[in-house]
Amino acid sequence: MLYCARCMRLCEGPVCPVCRKSDLREPEAKDVCFLTERGQIWGSILEDNLNDCRIPFLKKGRMGAGLAMSTGNRFETFRFFVPYERYEEASALAEELFGEG
């Protein structure tokens, strides 16, 4: 696996499938890696499980606070990121919850 610092994603091949960047590198333990994107309900379930397993994570809303306030949280989706050193564990948890890693 290689790491795209721009997208914060682990990539299978030599090119990031999201940004098409080709200067990927080996991931380092503290690199923040994209795990999954979920809506409000499933995001809350994932957040609770990550906390229970003491896996540190970063949760970013896609809409931003202003838009989420005007449209309501039910339309918000959240991207979850975890440190590379805990990615395998977090990925297994996501697989267990959602059937995907």
Foldseek 3Di string as FASTA:
>chain_A
DWADLVQQADDDDQADPPPRDRPTHHADQQRKHWQDKAADPVVVVLVVVCVVVVFDKDKDKPPDDVVCVVPPRRPIMIIIIGGPNCRVVSQVVCCVVPVGD
